């Protein structure tokens, strides 16, 4: 079942996620390996990344995202 609240998302994927949505922005972020997505739907850009919370403790708790060829 998909997470329906921020608390559900944190329980499923761990804390520290940030989301930026807009049509004209730039970014420079520090993120965990394998926890960064940037994509567009029409002119709307979505940036989703997980910042460092406690990397040592959570290093192997969550699966790595696979890159998709566009």
N, C-alpha and C. Protein backbone atom coordinates (compact mmCIF):
# COMPACT_ATOMS: atom_id res chain seq x y z
N UNK A 1 0.85 -1.18 0.00
CA UNK A 1 0.00 0.00 0.00
C UNK A 1 0.90 1.25 0.00
N UNK A 2 0.54 2.21 -0.79
CA UNK A 2 1.32 3.46 -0.90
C UNK A 2 1.13 4.32 0.35
N UNK A 3 2.18 5.01 0.77
CA UNK A 3 2.06 5.91 1.92
C UNK A 3 1.04 7.00 1.63
N UNK A 4 0.21 7.33 2.63
CA UNK A 4 -0.82 8.35 2.44
C UNK A 4 -0.57 9.60 3.26
N UNK A 5 0.45 9.60 4.08
CA UNK A 5 0.79 10.78 4.88
C UNK A 5 2.31 10.87 5.00
N UNK A 6 2.82 12.04 5.38
CA UNK A 6 4.28 12.15 5.58
C UNK A 6 4.80 11.13 6.61
N UNK A 7 4.04 10.86 7.65
CA UNK A 7 4.47 9.90 8.66
C UNK A 7 4.54 8.49 8.07
N UNK A 8 3.56 8.13 7.23
CA UNK A 8 3.59 6.82 6.57
C UNK A 8 4.80 6.71 5.65
N UNK A 9 5.09 7.79 4.92
CA UNK A 9 6.25 7.80 4.01
C UNK A 9 7.54 7.62 4.80
N UNK A 10 7.67 8.34 5.93
CA UNK A 10 8.87 8.21 6.78
C UNK A 10 9.02 6.80 7.31
N UNK A 11 7.93 6.17 7.72
CA UNK A 11 8.00 4.79 8.21
C UNK A 11 8.42 3.83 7.10
N UNK A 12 7.92 4.06 5.88
CA UNK A 12 8.21 3.16 4.77
C UNK A 12 9.62 3.36 4.20
N UNK A 13 10.08 4.62 4.08
CA UNK A 13 11.33 4.91 3.37
C UNK A 13 12.38 5.62 4.22
N UNK A 14 12.08 5.89 5.49
CA UNK A 14 13.02 6.57 6.36
C UNK A 14 12.83 8.08 6.30
N UNK A 15 13.32 8.79 7.31
CA UNK A 15 13.15 10.24 7.37
C UNK A 15 14.17 10.96 6.50
N UNK A 16 13.99 12.25 6.35
CA UNK A 16 14.97 13.09 5.68
C UNK A 16 14.66 13.42 4.23
N UNK A 17 13.48 13.05 3.73
CA UNK A 17 13.13 13.32 2.34
C UNK A 17 12.68 14.76 2.16
N UNK A 18 13.07 15.35 1.03
CA UNK A 18 12.67 16.71 0.66
C UNK A 18 12.10 16.65 -0.75
N UNK A 19 11.10 17.49 -1.03
CA UNK A 19 10.49 17.53 -2.35
C UNK A 19 10.35 18.98 -2.78
N UNK A 20 10.78 19.26 -4.01
CA UNK A 20 10.65 20.60 -4.59
C UNK A 20 9.88 20.42 -5.90
N UNK A 21 8.83 21.23 -6.06
CA UNK A 21 8.00 21.17 -7.26
C UNK A 21 7.86 22.58 -7.80
N UNK A 22 8.07 22.75 -9.11
CA UNK A 22 7.92 24.07 -9.70
C UNK A 22 8.21 24.06 -11.18
N UNK A 23 8.18 25.26 -11.76
CA UNK A 23 8.41 25.38 -13.20
C UNK A 23 9.72 26.07 -13.52
N UNK A 24 10.35 26.71 -12.55
CA UNK A 24 11.59 27.44 -12.82
C UNK A 24 12.41 27.53 -11.54
N UNK A 25 13.26 26.54 -11.29
CA UNK A 25 14.12 26.57 -10.11
C UNK A 25 15.42 25.85 -10.42
N UNK A 26 16.43 26.14 -9.64
CA UNK A 26 17.68 25.40 -9.71
C UNK A 26 17.99 24.90 -8.31
N UNK A 27 18.94 23.97 -8.22
CA UNK A 27 19.24 23.41 -6.90
C UNK A 27 20.67 22.92 -6.84
N UNK A 28 21.15 22.83 -5.64
CA UNK A 28 22.42 22.19 -5.32
C UNK A 28 22.18 21.53 -3.98
N UNK A 29 22.07 20.21 -3.96
CA UNK A 29 21.70 19.50 -2.74
C UNK A 29 22.69 18.39 -2.44
N UNK A 30 22.80 18.05 -1.18
CA UNK A 30 23.56 16.88 -0.74
C UNK A 30 22.54 15.80 -0.42
N UNK A 31 22.75 14.61 -0.97
CA UNK A 31 21.76 13.55 -0.81
C UNK A 31 22.47 12.21 -0.60
N UNK A 32 21.72 11.27 -0.07
CA UNK A 32 22.21 9.90 0.09
C UNK A 32 22.35 9.25 -1.28
N UNK A 33 23.33 8.37 -1.41
CA UNK A 33 23.54 7.63 -2.66
C UNK A 33 22.28 6.85 -3.02
N UNK A 34 21.83 7.00 -4.25
CA UNK A 34 20.66 6.27 -4.71
C UNK A 34 19.34 6.85 -4.28
N UNK A 35 19.34 8.03 -3.67
CA UNK A 35 18.11 8.64 -3.16
C UNK A 35 17.91 10.03 -3.75
N UNK A 36 17.89 10.12 -5.08
CA UNK A 36 17.73 11.40 -5.76
C UNK A 36 16.95 11.17 -7.04
N UNK A 37 15.88 11.93 -7.23
CA UNK A 37 15.11 11.86 -8.47
C UNK A 37 14.81 13.27 -8.93
N UNK A 38 14.98 13.49 -10.22
CA UNK A 38 14.60 14.76 -10.83
C UNK A 38 13.95 14.41 -12.15
N UNK A 39 12.70 14.83 -12.35
CA UNK A 39 12.00 14.54 -13.59
C UNK A 39 10.98 15.63 -13.88
N UNK A 40 10.50 15.66 -15.10
CA UNK A 40 9.53 16.67 -15.52
C UNK A 40 8.26 15.99 -16.03
N UNK A 41 7.15 16.62 -15.74
CA UNK A 41 5.85 16.23 -16.29
C UNK A 41 5.34 17.48 -16.99
N UNK A 42 5.48 17.50 -18.31
CA UNK A 42 5.19 18.73 -19.05
C UNK A 42 6.21 19.79 -18.64
N UNK A 43 5.74 20.96 -18.24
CA UNK A 43 6.65 22.03 -17.81
C UNK A 43 6.90 22.01 -16.30
N UNK A 44 6.29 21.07 -15.58
CA UNK A 44 6.43 20.98 -14.13
C UNK A 44 7.61 20.08 -13.78
N UNK A 45 8.57 20.61 -13.02
CA UNK A 45 9.75 19.84 -12.60
C UNK A 45 9.54 19.37 -11.16
N UNK A 46 9.95 18.13 -10.89
CA UNK A 46 9.86 17.54 -9.55
C UNK A 46 11.25 17.07 -9.14
N UNK A 47 11.68 17.49 -7.97
CA UNK A 47 12.96 17.09 -7.39
C UNK A 47 12.65 16.42 -6.06
N UNK A 48 13.05 15.16 -5.90
CA UNK A 48 12.84 14.42 -4.66
C UNK A 48 14.17 13.82 -4.25
N UNK A 49 14.59 14.11 -3.02
CA UNK A 49 15.87 13.59 -2.56
C UNK A 49 15.82 13.35 -1.06
N UNK A 50 16.71 12.47 -0.61
CA UNK A 50 16.82 12.17 0.81
C UNK A 50 18.15 12.68 1.32
N UNK A 51 18.09 13.62 2.24
CA UNK A 51 19.30 14.16 2.84
C UNK A 51 19.84 13.22 3.89
N UNK A 52 21.04 13.49 4.34
CA UNK A 52 21.69 12.65 5.36
C UNK A 52 21.01 12.84 6.70
N UNK A 53 20.48 11.76 7.25
CA UNK A 53 19.89 11.78 8.58
C UNK A 53 20.84 11.07 9.54
N UNK A 54 21.04 9.79 9.32
CA UNK A 54 21.99 8.99 10.09
C UNK A 54 22.47 7.88 9.17
N UNK A 55 23.41 8.22 8.30
CA UNK A 55 23.84 7.29 7.26
C UNK A 55 24.40 5.99 7.79
N UNK A 56 25.15 6.03 8.86
CA UNK A 56 25.77 4.81 9.38
C UNK A 56 24.71 3.82 9.83
N UNK A 57 23.70 4.28 10.54
CA UNK A 57 22.66 3.39 11.07
C UNK A 57 21.73 2.90 9.97
N UNK A 58 21.45 3.74 8.97
CA UNK A 58 20.45 3.41 7.97
C UNK A 58 21.05 3.00 6.63
N UNK A 59 22.33 2.71 6.57
CA UNK A 59 23.01 2.47 5.30
C UNK A 59 22.38 1.35 4.47
N UNK A 60 21.93 0.28 5.10
CA UNK A 60 21.41 -0.86 4.34
C UNK A 60 19.95 -1.17 4.63
N UNK A 61 19.22 -0.22 5.20
CA UNK A 61 17.82 -0.49 5.54
C UNK A 61 16.89 -0.39 4.34
N UNK A 62 17.25 0.41 3.35
CA UNK A 62 16.33 0.69 2.25
C UNK A 62 16.98 0.33 0.92
N UNK A 63 16.19 -0.19 0.00
CA UNK A 63 16.75 -0.57 -1.31
C UNK A 63 17.18 0.67 -2.09
N UNK A 64 18.17 0.50 -2.95
CA UNK A 64 18.63 1.58 -3.80
C UNK A 64 17.68 1.72 -4.98
N UNK A 65 17.47 2.96 -5.40
CA UNK A 65 16.66 3.21 -6.59
C UNK A 65 17.49 2.90 -7.82
N UNK A 66 16.88 2.30 -8.81
CA UNK A 66 17.56 2.00 -10.07
C UNK A 66 17.34 3.16 -11.04
N UNK A 67 18.37 3.55 -11.77
CA UNK A 67 18.25 4.61 -12.76
C UNK A 67 17.50 4.07 -13.97
N UNK A 68 16.65 4.91 -14.53
CA UNK A 68 15.88 4.54 -15.73
C UNK A 68 16.43 5.31 -16.92
N UNK A 69 16.57 4.64 -18.04
CA UNK A 69 16.96 5.32 -19.26
C UNK A 69 15.74 6.01 -19.84
N UNK A 70 15.87 7.30 -20.15
CA UNK A 70 14.73 8.05 -20.69
C UNK A 70 14.70 7.99 -22.20
